[in-house]
C-alpha cells in the first residue's frame, strides 16, 4: 500500500487552513497545520513532510523568518509561500530566501493543484 505524502500548512487564517486542508486531503495528501512559523518549525523538528505551504504574514513568526530558519537546516522541504497581491515584493524576497514558488491569495484551486503536484511529488 502506498503511503500518503504529508504537507505542512502554516497560516494564521482559520478559513484558509480549512480550505487548504480539505483541498489537499482531496488530492491525496495528509496535512499538518500550524498557525505561525514557530509552530511550523516545531512540527518540522519531528515530522518529515513532502512540502510546506507558508503564509508570509503571521503573528509570533512570519514566513520570511521561518524560511531563514529553514535555510539553516540540513534538510529543507520544498516551500510554496502565500500572500495577497499587494505583497509581491515580499513574495520575490521569499523566493530569494529559498521558497520554490508562490500562490496569490485568494488561492485558485487549479494553481494549488498544479504547484503541489509539481513540487511535492
Protein backbone atom coordinates (compact mmCIF):
# COMPACT_ATOMS: atom_id res chain seq x y z
CA UNK A 1 0.00 0.00 0.00
CA UNK A 2 1.36 3.40 -0.99
CA UNK A 3 1.67 5.85 1.89
CA UNK A 4 0.27 9.35 1.54
CA UNK A 5 2.67 12.28 1.47
CA UNK A 6 2.36 14.82 4.28
CA UNK A 7 2.12 18.57 3.69
CA UNK A 8 2.53 21.23 6.37
CA UNK A 9 0.33 24.32 6.03
CA UNK A 10 1.44 27.36 8.06
CA UNK A 11 -1.14 30.17 8.12
CA UNK A 12 -2.88 32.14 10.86
CA UNK A 13 -6.21 32.38 8.97
CA UNK A 14 -8.52 29.54 10.09
CA UNK A 15 -10.62 29.72 6.90
CA UNK A 16 -7.55 29.37 4.68
CA UNK A 17 -6.25 26.48 6.78
CA UNK A 18 -9.61 24.71 6.40
CA UNK A 19 -9.79 25.33 2.64
CA UNK A 20 -6.21 24.17 2.04
CA UNK A 21 -6.50 21.16 4.34
CA UNK A 22 -9.71 19.98 2.65
CA UNK A 23 -8.32 20.53 -0.85
CA UNK A 24 -5.02 18.78 -0.12
CA UNK A 25 -6.81 15.86 1.58
CA UNK A 26 -8.93 15.51 -1.57
CA UNK A 27 -5.72 15.42 -3.62
CA UNK A 28 -4.42 12.53 -1.51
CA UNK A 29 -2.12 14.30 0.96
CA UNK A 30 -2.05 14.03 4.72
CA UNK A 31 -1.99 17.52 6.24
CA UNK A 32 -0.49 19.13 9.33
CA UNK A 33 -1.42 22.71 10.21
CA UNK A 34 0.35 25.41 12.20
CA UNK A 35 -0.77 28.98 12.92
CA UNK A 36 2.67 30.61 12.84
CA UNK A 37 6.24 29.97 11.80
CA UNK A 38 7.36 28.89 15.27
CA UNK A 39 4.71 26.16 15.38
CA UNK A 40 5.70 25.18 11.85
CA UNK A 41 9.37 24.83 12.79
CA UNK A 42 8.38 22.82 15.87
CA UNK A 43 6.47 20.35 13.66
CA UNK A 44 9.44 20.02 11.33
CA UNK A 45 11.69 19.05 14.26
CA UNK A 46 9.96 15.66 14.49
CA UNK A 47 7.83 15.30 11.35
CA UNK A 48 9.12 14.77 7.83
CA UNK A 49 6.97 16.44 5.16
CA UNK A 50 6.90 16.43 1.37
CA UNK A 51 6.34 20.19 1.33
CA UNK A 52 5.22 23.35 3.10
CA UNK A 53 2.58 25.94 2.21
CA UNK A 54 3.70 29.05 4.08
CA UNK A 55 1.89 32.35 4.64
CA UNK A 56 4.19 35.36 4.77
CA UNK A 57 2.34 37.42 7.40
CA UNK A 58 1.57 35.80 10.76
CA UNK A 59 1.94 36.69 14.42
CA UNK A 60 4.80 35.25 16.51
CA UNK A 61 6.93 34.29 13.46
CA UNK A 62 6.22 35.21 9.85
CA UNK A 63 7.08 33.33 6.70
CA UNK A 64 10.31 35.13 5.78
CA UNK A 65 11.85 34.46 9.20
CA UNK A 66 10.70 30.83 9.06
CA UNK A 67 12.39 30.48 5.64
CA UNK A 68 15.60 31.92 7.11
CA UNK A 69 15.44 29.39 9.93
CA UNK A 70 14.78 26.54 7.50
CA UNK A 71 17.81 27.57 5.44
CA UNK A 72 19.97 26.64 8.45
CA UNK A 73 18.58 23.07 8.48
CA UNK A 74 20.24 20.12 6.83
CA UNK A 75 17.05 19.05 5.05
CA UNK A 76 14.67 21.65 3.66
CA UNK A 77 11.32 20.57 2.22
CA UNK A 78 10.03 22.41 -0.86
CA UNK A 79 8.19 25.57 0.23
CA UNK A 80 5.40 27.44 -1.55
CA UNK A 81 4.76 30.85 0.00
CA UNK A 82 1.35 32.52 0.02
CA UNK A 83 0.26 36.15 0.21
CA UNK A 84 -2.05 38.63 -1.47
CA UNK A 85 -1.14 40.71 -4.50
CA UNK A 86 -0.14 43.80 -2.55
CA UNK A 87 2.90 41.96 -1.16
CA UNK A 88 4.56 40.93 -4.46
CA UNK A 89 7.98 42.26 -3.38
CA UNK A 90 7.86 40.08 -0.25
CA UNK A 91 6.93 37.07 -2.39
CA UNK A 92 10.02 37.74 -4.51
CA UNK A 93 12.14 38.05 -1.35
CA UNK A 94 10.77 34.69 -0.19
CA UNK A 95 11.95 33.10 -3.45
CA UNK A 96 15.41 34.57 -2.84
CA UNK A 97 15.31 33.13 0.71
CA UNK A 98 14.58 29.62 -0.56
CA UNK A 99 10.90 29.27 -1.43
CA UNK A 100 10.33 27.25 -4.61
CA UNK A 101 7.16 29.04 -5.77
CA UNK A 102 4.29 31.23 -4.60
CA UNK A 103 0.50 31.39 -4.57
CA UNK A 104 -1.52 34.61 -4.64
CA UNK A 105 -4.49 34.82 -2.27
CA UNK A 106 -7.31 34.15 -2.83
CA UNK A 107 -5.83 30.86 -3.95
CA UNK A 108 -7.15 29.35 -7.15
CA UNK A 109 -7.72 25.60 -6.83
CA UNK A 110 -6.11 24.82 -10.19
CA UNK A 111 -2.94 26.73 -9.20
CA UNK A 112 -2.81 24.93 -5.84
CA UNK A 113 -3.25 21.55 -7.50
CA UNK A 114 -0.63 22.07 -10.21
CA UNK A 115 2.02 23.62 -7.96
CA UNK A 116 1.64 20.99 -5.25
CA UNK A 117 1.78 18.17 -7.82
CA UNK A 118 4.92 19.67 -9.38
CA UNK A 119 6.83 20.45 -6.16
CA UNK A 120 5.57 17.95 -3.59
CA UNK A 121 5.90 14.79 -5.70
